[in-house]
Amino acid sequence: MKKLVCIVLAISTAGSLLAQDPIAKKYGDQITPADLKENLSILASDAMEGRETGKRGQKMAAAFVKANFEDFGLAAPVEGNYYQPVELFTSVPGDIYVKAGQTKFLNFQDIAFYGSSDSGGEVSVPVVFAGKGRKEDFDQVNVEGKAVVIQQGAEENFRGPLSLARERKAKVVLIYNTDANAFKELVGQLKEYLGGGVLSLKKPEAASQNAGVFFVSQDVAAKVLNTTSEKLTKAANENTLKKVKAGSVSYKTSVDVKVLKSDNVLGYLEGTDKKDELVVISAHYDHIGKINGTEGDLINNGADDDGSGTVSVIQLAKVFAQAKKEGKGPRRSILFLLVTGEEKGLLGSDYYTQHPVFPLSSTVVDLNIDMVGRRDPQHKESAPYVYVIGSDKLSTELHNLNESNNKTYTNLIFDYTYNDQNHPDRLYYRSDHWNFAKNNIPIVFYFDGIHEDYHKPSDEVSKIEFDLLARRAQCVFYTAWDVANREQRIQSDKK
């Protein structure tokens, strides 16, 4: 029996080796831990200042990527340039308040305004109470042209009631949380996120109908409605909203809008007989910049997020370019796409898919690499793994091909935990592949999980597992090689 098992294993191993493409293996082996470490030690150094979108460090990182693409001999596809300019608008909160009678409640104290509109001065409007913001609540009150106050429970999502308020043409929405601690935490989060300005691809509209929402404390809501917290709760629970009779509320929003310039960095490798079809390999090279302060480590280096993905794309570009120089170039063209503004809301990839340098109809797949240099707590003691997200959402063919190449070459454990579109972390929607997926372009997202140094200065080069990073980068390479060289184009399941 033991002899038979050995024979079976030997045959199995031989079959696996025979299935490998020796040319692909030659170039895959050129993706090395040493090269990845050399590049990441530059990209995630303190000199890059955390690579925040639009800041000096991000522009230095872009220049580093460009220099590599030039060195590899990649074409500059944006009218002879490697940079695709991305114009962004930053909205910094100005004088913002809500006023009940003569009492003024200030932004990031008793209230928090989430939006980017400018009211053009103080506005006074009638105010009504819409209880818990359900359809039956809105049916009781006329909110058109008025301020509407809505109660939100500790675990409830505000987006549904907010959407209803906007459908009913409310002038402004005020949402209060019955949990005082949850409200305090929300104010802190919004101040951190919004206080320094919010970036967007579109210039904010002045006095836009649906441009924002005020989050307020329960005490502020009661004062705005000229009642008490107890009576508000009772009216919401008993659905007696008309008993809450209020007059008007005043508010002001002001926003300072400035233009911020950034760039996606693109390197192009033309294919051979199928050069009109395009494979995209993407990552984001921006991060979250520096922490305000004077003591301690203030630079968020982003070694894993997403320095690891960026240097992986650079290495893939290098080996594909080398293959072409040696007469083994891909049949399909490849775009090495390093985008800006991911940390600000997937802005660089959103801009690219709205202004594609190559037709989206010719784009076969996007292989997106975002955080591939570490382990998460769930895999501290596991064999080498990677989370695979989205591979089966649009193309069963791509999913199977990705699985097959991994088994043939890299033998990583594929963890599909985050592949569930309803997973609470919603990672399918949270990296740059999403802007391709929503255009019906098949994608694979490679990811290492959420670890203890995520978005902290402690996300350092010293904590990267470079052997594991190289293996994951090779995994992406073999799938890219297969997609770029196979006879038939990868097809989307959705026509």
Protein backbone atom coordinates (compact mmCIF):
# COMPACT_ATOMS: atom_id res chain seq x y z
CA MET A 1 0.00 0.00 0.00
CA LYS A 2 2.78 2.41 0.96
CA LYS A 3 4.53 1.74 -2.35
CA LEU A 4 1.29 2.35 -4.27
CA VAL A 5 0.75 5.67 -2.48
CA CYS A 6 4.29 6.76 -3.37
CA ILE A 7 3.72 5.87 -7.02
CA VAL A 8 0.44 7.81 -7.10
CA LEU A 9 2.09 10.84 -5.48
CA ALA A 10 4.97 10.69 -7.93
CA ILE A 11 2.62 10.54 -10.90
CA SER A 12 0.55 13.40 -9.46
CA THR A 13 3.64 15.55 -8.92
CA ALA A 14 4.96 14.79 -12.38
CA GLY A 15 1.60 15.69 -13.90
CA SER A 16 1.63 19.01 -12.07
CA LEU A 17 5.14 19.79 -13.26
CA LEU A 18 4.27 18.82 -16.83
CA ALA A 19 1.32 21.21 -16.72
CA GLN A 20 3.61 24.15 -16.02
CA ASP A 21 4.55 26.42 -18.89
CA PRO A 22 8.36 26.61 -18.68
CA ILE A 23 8.40 30.07 -20.26
CA ALA A 24 5.89 31.43 -17.75
CA LYS A 25 7.84 29.74 -14.94
CA LYS A 26 11.08 31.34 -16.11
CA TYR A 27 9.66 34.84 -15.80
CA GLY A 28 7.59 34.15 -12.71
CA ASP A 29 10.76 33.08 -10.92
CA GLN A 30 12.21 36.54 -11.64
CA ILE A 31 9.76 38.09 -9.15
CA THR A 32 11.99 37.94 -6.09
CA PRO A 33 11.76 38.98 -2.44
CA ALA A 34 14.97 40.99 -2.81
CA ASP A 35 13.64 43.16 -5.66
CA LEU A 36 10.35 43.72 -3.88
CA LYS A 37 12.14 44.74 -0.70
CA GLU A 38 14.44 47.13 -2.53
CA ASN A 39 11.53 49.01 -4.10
CA LEU A 40 9.30 48.95 -1.03
CA SER A 41 12.11 50.31 1.15
CA ILE A 42 12.02 53.41 -1.05
CA LEU A 43 8.28 53.68 -1.63
CA ALA A 44 7.30 53.25 2.03
CA SER A 45 10.17 55.24 3.51
CA ASP A 46 9.65 58.31 5.69
CA ALA A 47 10.87 60.41 2.76
CA MET A 48 7.57 59.68 0.97
CA GLU A 49 5.67 61.28 3.88
CA GLY A 50 2.82 58.78 3.77
CA ARG A 51 1.95 59.39 0.08
CA GLU A 52 -1.25 61.32 0.80
CA THR A 53 -3.22 62.18 -2.34
CA GLY A 54 -2.24 65.57 -3.74
CA LYS A 55 0.64 66.06 -1.31
CA ARG A 56 4.38 66.14 -1.97
CA GLY A 57 4.96 62.54 -0.90
CA GLN A 58 2.36 61.23 -3.34
CA LYS A 59 3.99 63.15 -6.18
CA MET A 60 7.39 61.75 -5.22
CA ALA A 61 5.92 58.25 -5.26
CA ALA A 62 4.42 58.89 -8.70
CA ALA A 63 7.84 59.97 -9.98
CA PHE A 64 9.35 56.76 -8.56
CA VAL A 65 6.79 54.61 -10.38
CA LYS A 66 7.27 56.57 -13.60
CA ALA A 67 11.06 56.15 -13.43
CA ASN A 68 10.64 52.39 -13.17
CA PHE A 69 8.25 52.26 -16.11
CA GLU A 70 10.69 54.30 -18.20
CA ASP A 71 13.56 52.03 -17.18
CA PHE A 72 11.60 48.93 -18.26
CA GLY A 73 10.87 50.48 -21.66
CA LEU A 74 7.10 50.59 -21.19
CA ALA A 75 5.21 52.93 -23.47
CA ALA A 76 3.74 56.15 -22.07
CA PRO A 77 0.08 55.83 -23.15
CA VAL A 78 -1.42 59.18 -22.11
CA GLU A 79 -0.57 61.26 -25.17
CA GLY A 80 3.08 60.36 -24.70
CA ASN A 81 2.99 60.72 -20.92
CA TYR A 82 2.97 58.21 -18.07
CA TYR A 83 0.78 60.49 -15.97
CA GLN A 84 -2.98 60.69 -16.32
CA PRO A 85 -3.87 63.99 -14.59
CA VAL A 86 -6.70 63.68 -12.07
CA GLU A 87 -8.30 66.95 -10.99
CA LEU A 88 -9.90 66.72 -7.57
CA PHE A 89 -11.95 69.14 -5.53
CA THR A 90 -11.34 69.44 -1.82
CA SER A 91 -14.16 70.78 0.35
CA VAL A 92 -13.09 72.14 3.73
CA PRO A 93 -15.88 72.89 6.23
CA GLY A 94 -16.33 76.56 7.07
CA ASP A 95 -18.93 78.27 9.28
CA ILE A 96 -21.54 75.58 9.93
CA TYR A 97 -24.25 75.59 12.56
CA VAL A 98 -27.85 74.81 13.46
CA LYS A 99 -29.84 77.40 15.44
CA ALA A 100 -32.92 76.80 17.58
CA GLY A 101 -34.29 80.11 18.78
CA GLN A 102 -31.23 82.08 19.83
CA THR A 103 -29.14 79.01 20.67
CA LYS A 104 -26.47 78.15 18.11
CA PHE A 105 -25.07 74.60 17.89
CA LEU A 106 -21.66 74.38 16.24
CA ASN A 107 -20.19 71.82 13.87
CA PHE A 108 -18.21 68.95 15.42
CA GLN A 109 -19.57 69.83 18.86
CA ASP A 110 -23.33 69.33 19.29
CA ILE A 111 -23.81 68.62 15.58
CA ALA A 112 -21.84 67.18 12.68
CA PHE A 113 -22.58 68.18 9.08
CA TYR A 114 -21.91 65.54 6.45
CA GLY A 115 -21.97 67.13 3.01
CA SER A 116 -20.31 69.62 0.70
CA SER A 117 -22.91 72.29 -0.08
CA ASP A 118 -22.85 75.99 0.73
CA SER A 119 -26.19 77.38 1.87
CA GLY A 120 -25.24 80.90 0.84
CA GLY A 121 -25.88 82.29 4.30
CA GLU A 122 -28.26 81.50 7.12
CA VAL A 123 -31.45 79.73 6.03
CA SER A 124 -34.66 79.50 8.06
CA VAL A 125 -37.26 76.82 7.23
CA PRO A 126 -40.26 75.14 8.90
CA VAL A 127 -39.36 71.96 10.78
CA VAL A 128 -41.30 68.69 11.22
CA PHE A 129 -40.70 65.39 12.99
CA ALA A 130 -40.72 62.18 10.92
CA GLY A 131 -40.22 59.74 13.79
CA LYS A 132 -38.07 56.77 12.86
CA GLY A 133 -38.04 57.70 9.19
CA ARG A 134 -40.20 54.83 7.94
CA LYS A 135 -42.55 55.18 5.01
CA GLU A 136 -45.55 55.18 7.35
CA ASP A 137 -43.90 58.01 9.31
CA PHE A 138 -43.35 60.12 6.21
CA ASP A 139 -46.96 59.49 5.19
CA GLN A 140 -48.08 61.38 8.32
CA VAL A 141 -46.18 64.60 7.67
CA ASN A 142 -45.48 66.86 4.74
CA VAL A 143 -41.71 67.40 4.54
CA GLU A 144 -41.45 69.16 1.17
CA GLY A 145 -39.38 72.30 1.46
CA LYS A 146 -38.94 71.80 5.20
CA ALA A 147 -36.36 70.62 7.68
CA VAL A 148 -37.16 67.09 8.82
CA VAL A 149 -35.91 65.53 12.05
CA ILE A 150 -35.50 61.74 12.15
CA GLN A 151 -34.72 59.41 15.04
CA GLN A 152 -32.01 56.81 14.51
CA GLY A 153 -31.51 53.86 16.86
CA ALA A 154 -28.06 52.78 17.97
CA GLU A 155 -27.83 49.93 15.43
CA GLU A 156 -29.93 51.44 12.65
CA ASN A 157 -28.70 52.66 9.28
CA PHE A 158 -29.59 56.25 8.42
CA ARG A 159 -29.40 55.86 4.64
CA GLY A 160 -32.91 54.48 4.15
CA PRO A 161 -34.69 57.30 6.03
CA LEU A 162 -32.39 59.86 4.40
CA SER A 163 -33.29 58.54 0.96
CA LEU A 164 -37.01 58.78 1.76
CA ALA A 165 -36.58 62.34 3.00
CA ARG A 166 -34.89 63.31 -0.23
CA GLU A 167 -37.55 61.59 -2.32
CA ARG A 168 -40.16 63.65 -0.45
CA LYS A 169 -38.15 66.81 -1.27
CA ALA A 170 -37.14 67.78 2.24
CA LYS A 171 -35.03 70.94 2.33
CA VAL A 172 -32.63 69.69 4.99
CA VAL A 173 -32.38 66.54 7.14
CA LEU A 174 -31.41 66.34 10.82
CA ILE A 175 -30.81 62.86 12.25
CA TYR A 176 -30.41 62.24 15.95
CA ASN A 177 -29.18 59.11 17.67
CA THR A 178 -30.87 57.82 20.81
CA ASP A 179 -27.50 56.48 21.98
CA ALA A 180 -25.45 59.42 23.32
CA ASN A 181 -22.18 57.48 23.21
CA ALA A 182 -22.76 56.41 19.62
CA PHE A 183 -23.42 60.04 18.67
CA LYS A 184 -20.25 61.22 20.40
CA GLU A 185 -18.22 58.56 18.60
CA LEU A 186 -19.78 59.53 15.26
CA VAL A 187 -18.89 63.21 15.77
CA GLY A 188 -15.29 62.24 16.46
CA GLN A 189 -15.12 60.07 13.36
CA LEU A 190 -16.64 62.73 11.12
CA LYS A 191 -14.34 65.41 12.49
CA GLU A 192 -11.32 63.25 11.73
CA TYR A 193 -12.61 62.36 8.26
CA LEU A 194 -14.09 65.71 7.20
CA GLY A 195 -12.21 68.30 9.22
CA GLY A 196 -9.27 68.50 6.85
CA GLY A 197 -11.45 68.46 3.75
CA VAL A 198 -13.19 65.91 1.56
CA LEU A 199 -11.97 65.07 -1.93
CA SER A 200 -14.26 64.42 -4.87
CA LEU A 201 -14.08 64.25 -8.65
CA LYS A 202 -16.98 66.67 -9.04
CA LYS A 203 -17.08 70.27 -7.94
CA PRO A 204 -19.64 70.58 -5.13
CA GLU A 205 -22.82 72.40 -6.04
CA ALA A 206 -23.77 75.45 -4.02
CA ALA A 207 -27.04 75.04 -2.12
CA SER A 208 -27.65 71.60 -3.62
CA GLN A 209 -30.99 70.05 -2.63
CA ASN A 210 -29.53 66.74 -1.55
CA ALA A 211 -26.03 67.77 -0.60
CA GLY A 212 -25.83 66.88 3.06
CA VAL A 213 -27.27 65.87 6.41
CA PHE A 214 -26.90 67.17 9.96
CA PHE A 215 -26.25 64.57 12.65
CA VAL A 216 -27.37 66.06 15.96
CA SER A 217 -27.61 64.96 19.58
CA GLN A 218 -30.98 64.01 21.02
CA ASP A 219 -30.94 67.16 23.16
CA VAL A 220 -30.39 69.34 20.09
CA ALA A 221 -33.21 67.54 18.25
CA ALA A 222 -35.56 68.24 21.17
CA LYS A 223 -34.62 71.93 21.23
CA VAL A 224 -35.05 72.22 17.45
CA LEU A 225 -38.55 70.74 17.79
CA ASN A 226 -39.32 72.81 20.89
CA THR A 227 -40.06 69.76 23.03
CA THR A 228 -38.28 67.26 25.30
CA SER A 229 -36.32 64.10 24.58
CA GLU A 230 -38.92 62.04 26.44
CA LYS A 231 -41.80 63.39 24.36
CA LEU A 232 -39.84 62.78 21.15
CA THR A 233 -39.22 59.16 22.08
CA LYS A 234 -42.87 58.66 23.02
CA ALA A 235 -44.10 60.20 19.75
CA ALA A 236 -41.73 58.03 17.70
CA ASN A 237 -42.69 54.84 19.53
CA GLU A 238 -46.44 55.52 19.50
CA ASN A 239 -46.41 56.90 15.97
CA THR A 240 -48.10 60.14 17.08
CA LEU A 241 -45.85 62.46 15.13
CA LYS A 242 -48.33 65.27 14.61
CA LYS A 243 -48.38 65.88 18.36
CA VAL A 244 -44.88 67.32 17.98
CA LYS A 245 -45.64 70.84 16.85
CA ALA A 246 -42.63 72.98 16.06
CA GLY A 247 -41.99 76.24 14.30
CA SER A 248 -38.81 76.72 12.34
CA VAL A 249 -35.10 76.05 12.48
CA SER A 250 -32.19 78.01 11.07
CA TYR A 251 -28.95 76.63 9.73
CA LYS A 252 -25.88 77.60 7.78
CA THR A 253 -23.37 75.57 5.80
CA SER A 254 -20.28 76.98 4.17
CA VAL A 255 -17.52 75.14 2.38
CA ASP A 256 -14.19 76.32 1.01
CA VAL A 257 -13.61 74.50 -2.28
CA LYS A 258 -10.11 74.21 -3.72
CA VAL A 259 -8.68 72.34 -6.69
CA LEU A 260 -6.17 69.59 -5.93
CA LYS A 261 -4.10 68.02 -8.69
CA SER A 262 -2.95 64.42 -8.65
CA ASP A 263 -2.07 61.70 -11.17
CA ASN A 264 -2.63 58.10 -12.05
CA VAL A 265 0.56 56.50 -13.38
CA LEU A 266 0.21 54.25 -16.43
CA GLY A 267 2.70 51.99 -18.16
CA TYR A 268 1.71 50.17 -21.36
CA LEU A 269 3.10 47.01 -22.93
CA GLU A 270 1.75 46.37 -26.41
CA GLY A 271 0.78 42.81 -27.23
CA THR A 272 1.25 40.88 -30.45
CA ASP A 273 -1.56 39.28 -32.45
CA LYS A 274 -4.26 40.20 -29.91
CA LYS A 275 -2.89 43.64 -29.02
CA ASP A 276 -6.29 45.34 -29.30
CA GLU A 277 -7.44 43.48 -26.19
CA LEU A 278 -6.18 44.79 -22.84
CA VAL A 279 -5.32 43.20 -19.49
CA VAL A 280 -5.19 45.66 -16.57
CA ILE A 281 -3.01 45.00 -13.52
CA SER A 282 -3.74 47.59 -10.85
CA ALA A 283 -2.87 48.82 -7.38
CA HIS A 284 -3.09 52.16 -5.58
CA TYR A 285 0.13 53.94 -4.71
CA ASP A 286 -1.40 56.59 -2.42
CA HIS A 287 -1.79 56.26 1.35
CA ILE A 288 -3.10 58.43 4.20
CA GLY A 289 -0.16 60.75 4.87
CA LYS A 290 1.02 62.12 8.20
CA ILE A 291 -0.57 62.51 11.61
CA ASN A 292 -0.84 66.00 13.08
CA GLY A 293 1.41 66.20 16.12
CA THR A 294 4.93 66.75 17.37
CA GLU A 295 5.84 63.53 19.16
CA GLY A 296 6.27 59.91 18.17
CA ASP A 297 6.05 58.30 14.75
CA LEU A 298 3.81 60.61 12.72
CA ILE A 299 4.18 59.06 9.25
CA ASN A 300 1.76 56.45 7.99
CA ASN A 301 4.21 54.65 5.72
CA GLY A 302 1.66 52.29 4.18
CA ALA A 303 4.16 49.52 3.55
CA ASP A 304 1.40 46.95 3.20
CA ASP A 305 -1.38 49.38 2.25
CA ASP A 306 -0.69 49.56 -0.58
CA GLY A 307 3.04 49.74 -0.98
CA SER A 308 3.01 45.95 -1.27
CA GLY A 309 0.58 46.04 -4.19
CA THR A 310 2.43 48.89 -5.88
CA VAL A 311 5.81 47.16 -5.85
CA SER A 312 4.11 43.96 -7.01
CA VAL A 313 2.76 45.77 -10.07
CA ILE A 314 6.20 47.27 -10.69
CA GLN A 315 7.79 43.80 -10.58
CA LEU A 316 5.15 42.32 -12.88
CA ALA A 317 5.79 45.17 -15.31
CA LYS A 318 9.50 44.43 -15.19
CA VAL A 319 9.21 40.72 -15.95
CA PHE A 320 6.57 41.14 -18.67
CA ALA A 321 8.73 43.82 -20.31
CA GLN A 322 11.75 41.52 -20.10
CA ALA A 323 9.76 38.72 -21.69
CA LYS A 324 8.89 41.00 -24.60
CA LYS A 325 12.53 42.02 -25.06
CA GLU A 326 13.39 38.33 -25.31
CA GLY A 327 10.69 37.64 -27.90
CA LYS A 328 8.20 36.14 -25.44
CA GLY A 329 5.90 39.11 -25.03
CA PRO A 330 2.18 38.69 -24.29
CA ARG A 331 -0.35 38.31 -27.07
CA ARG A 332 -2.70 40.79 -25.45
CA SER A 333 -1.59 44.24 -24.37
CA ILE A 334 -1.12 44.96 -20.67
CA LEU A 335 -1.79 48.20 -18.81
CA PHE A 336 0.06 48.55 -15.53
CA LEU A 337 -2.22 50.97 -13.72
CA LEU A 338 -1.16 52.60 -10.46
CA VAL A 339 -3.92 54.88 -9.25
CA THR A 340 -4.17 57.77 -6.86
CA GLY A 341 -6.92 58.65 -4.40
CA GLU A 342 -7.97 55.15 -3.37
CA GLU A 343 -7.87 56.13 0.28
CA LYS A 344 -10.12 59.10 -0.50
CA GLY A 345 -12.84 57.00 -2.11
CA LEU A 346 -11.44 55.02 -5.09
CA LEU A 347 -11.09 58.33 -6.93
CA GLY A 348 -8.19 57.50 -9.27
CA SER A 349 -9.75 54.30 -10.60
CA ASP A 350 -13.12 56.03 -10.82
CA TYR A 351 -11.51 58.74 -12.94
CA TYR A 352 -9.77 56.18 -15.16
CA THR A 353 -12.96 54.23 -15.87
CA GLN A 354 -14.77 57.49 -16.65
CA HIS A 355 -11.87 58.63 -18.88
CA PRO A 356 -10.30 55.37 -20.08
CA VAL A 357 -7.12 55.64 -22.11
CA PHE A 358 -8.12 52.37 -23.78
CA PRO A 359 -11.75 51.42 -24.48
CA LEU A 360 -13.45 49.61 -21.63
CA SER A 361 -15.03 47.37 -24.26
CA SER A 362 -11.52 46.12 -25.09
CA THR A 363 -10.54 45.63 -21.45
CA VAL A 364 -10.53 41.92 -20.68
CA VAL A 365 -9.94 41.84 -16.90
CA ASP A 366 -8.60 43.87 -13.99
CA LEU A 367 -6.30 42.05 -11.57
CA ASN A 368 -6.16 44.31 -8.52
CA ILE A 369 -3.53 43.99 -5.79
CA ASP A 370 -4.24 45.79 -2.52
CA MET A 371 -2.34 44.71 0.62
CA VAL A 372 -0.45 41.47 -0.02
CA GLY A 373 2.60 41.70 2.24
CA ARG A 374 1.33 40.65 5.66
CA ARG A 375 -0.78 38.11 7.56
CA ASP A 376 -3.98 38.88 9.42
CA PRO A 377 -4.75 37.48 12.90
CA GLN A 378 -6.77 34.61 11.42
CA HIS A 379 -3.73 33.28 9.54
CA LYS A 380 -0.82 33.85 11.93
CA GLU A 381 0.06 30.15 11.97
CA SER A 382 -1.38 29.07 8.63
CA ALA A 383 0.32 27.97 5.46
CA PRO A 384 0.82 30.71 2.84
CA TYR A 385 -2.56 32.13 1.85
CA VAL A 386 -4.24 35.04 0.14
CA TYR A 387 -7.81 36.29 0.22
CA VAL A 388 -9.39 36.14 -3.23
CA ILE A 389 -12.34 38.45 -3.77
CA GLY A 390 -14.66 38.86 -6.74
CA SER A 391 -13.14 36.31 -9.11
CA ASP A 392 -16.47 34.53 -9.63
CA LYS A 393 -18.76 37.57 -9.62
CA LEU A 394 -18.59 38.29 -13.33
CA SER A 395 -16.69 35.41 -14.93
CA THR A 396 -16.71 31.75 -13.92
CA GLU A 397 -14.00 31.29 -16.53
CA LEU A 398 -11.67 33.76 -14.79
CA HIS A 399 -12.35 32.21 -11.40
CA ASN A 400 -11.47 28.72 -12.64
CA LEU A 401 -8.38 29.97 -14.45
CA ASN A 402 -7.14 31.76 -11.31
CA GLU A 403 -7.69 28.59 -9.26
CA SER A 404 -5.94 26.41 -11.83
CA ASN A 405 -2.85 28.59 -12.14
CA ASN A 406 -2.47 28.80 -8.39
CA LYS A 407 -2.56 25.01 -8.08
CA THR A 408 -0.07 24.66 -10.93
CA TYR A 409 2.49 27.22 -9.80
CA THR A 410 2.12 28.87 -6.38
CA ASN A 411 -0.13 26.59 -4.31
CA LEU A 412 -1.39 29.31 -1.98
CA ILE A 413 -4.44 28.71 0.17
CA PHE A 414 -7.23 30.75 -1.41
CA ASP A 415 -9.47 32.14 1.33
CA TYR A 416 -12.87 33.30 0.04
CA THR A 417 -14.18 34.67 3.36
CA TYR A 418 -14.54 38.20 2.01
CA ASN A 419 -15.93 37.09 -1.33
CA ASP A 420 -19.46 37.27 0.06
CA GLN A 421 -20.93 40.52 -1.24
CA ASN A 422 -23.00 40.72 1.95
CA HIS A 423 -20.02 40.35 4.29
CA PRO A 424 -20.19 43.24 6.79
CA ASP A 425 -16.78 44.54 5.70
CA ARG A 426 -18.04 44.79 2.07
CA LEU A 427 -14.52 44.47 0.66
CA TYR A 428 -15.80 43.66 -2.82
CA TYR A 429 -16.77 47.33 -3.04
CA ARG A 430 -13.75 48.83 -1.26
CA SER A 431 -10.81 48.73 -3.65
CA ASP A 432 -10.11 49.89 -7.17
CA HIS A 433 -11.30 46.74 -8.94
CA TRP A 434 -14.86 47.82 -8.09
CA ASN A 435 -14.81 50.61 -10.68
CA PHE A 436 -14.03 48.00 -13.34
CA ALA A 437 -16.52 45.47 -11.99
CA LYS A 438 -19.38 47.95 -12.13
CA ASN A 439 -18.55 48.33 -15.82
CA ASN A 440 -18.97 44.55 -16.25
CA ILE A 441 -15.23 43.90 -16.55
CA PRO A 442 -14.22 40.65 -14.77
CA ILE A 443 -11.90 41.20 -11.82
CA VAL A 444 -9.83 39.46 -9.19
CA PHE A 445 -8.90 41.27 -5.97
CA TYR A 446 -5.91 39.88 -4.03
CA PHE A 447 -5.76 40.84 -0.34
CA ASP A 448 -4.06 39.75 2.89
CA GLY A 449 -6.71 40.82 5.42
CA ILE A 450 -7.11 43.46 8.12
CA HIS A 451 -4.19 43.39 10.55
CA GLU A 452 -3.34 45.34 13.69
CA ASP A 453 -1.26 47.97 11.83
CA TYR A 454 -3.92 48.88 9.26
CA HIS A 455 -3.88 52.67 8.71
CA LYS A 456 -1.33 53.23 11.45
CA PRO A 457 2.28 54.50 11.44
CA SER A 458 3.27 50.97 12.45
CA ASP A 459 2.52 49.66 8.92
CA GLU A 460 6.26 49.51 8.28
CA VAL A 461 8.57 47.77 5.81
CA SER A 462 10.12 45.81 8.68
CA LYS A 463 6.84 43.91 9.15
CA ILE A 464 6.48 42.74 5.56
CA GLU A 465 6.98 39.02 4.84
CA PHE A 466 8.83 39.34 1.56
CA ASP A 467 8.88 35.63 0.71
CA LEU A 468 5.10 35.58 1.07
CA LEU A 469 4.76 38.85 -0.85
CA ALA A 470 6.79 37.41 -3.73
CA ARG A 471 4.67 34.27 -3.83
CA ARG A 472 1.45 36.27 -3.96
CA ALA A 473 2.86 38.54 -6.68
CA GLN A 474 3.82 35.41 -8.64
CA CYS A 475 0.26 34.14 -8.23
CA VAL A 476 -1.04 37.30 -9.91
CA PHE A 477 1.63 37.03 -12.58
CA TYR A 478 0.66 33.50 -13.63
CA THR A 479 -3.00 34.41 -13.94
CA ALA A 480 -2.07 37.55 -15.89
CA TRP A 481 0.23 35.52 -18.16
CA ASP A 482 -2.54 33.02 -18.87
CA VAL A 483 -5.21 35.68 -19.49
CA ALA A 484 -2.85 37.61 -21.78
CA ASN A 485 -1.76 34.61 -23.85
CA ARG A 486 -4.74 32.26 -24.10
CA GLU A 487 -6.49 31.84 -27.43
CA GLN A 488 -9.96 32.96 -26.37
CA ARG A 489 -10.69 36.17 -24.50
CA ILE A 490 -12.00 35.74 -20.95
CA GLN A 491 -15.75 36.21 -21.13
CA SER A 492 -18.09 37.86 -18.67
CA ASP A 493 -21.03 35.71 -17.57
CA LYS A 494 -23.23 38.80 -17.86
CA LYS A 495 -23.85 39.85 -21.41
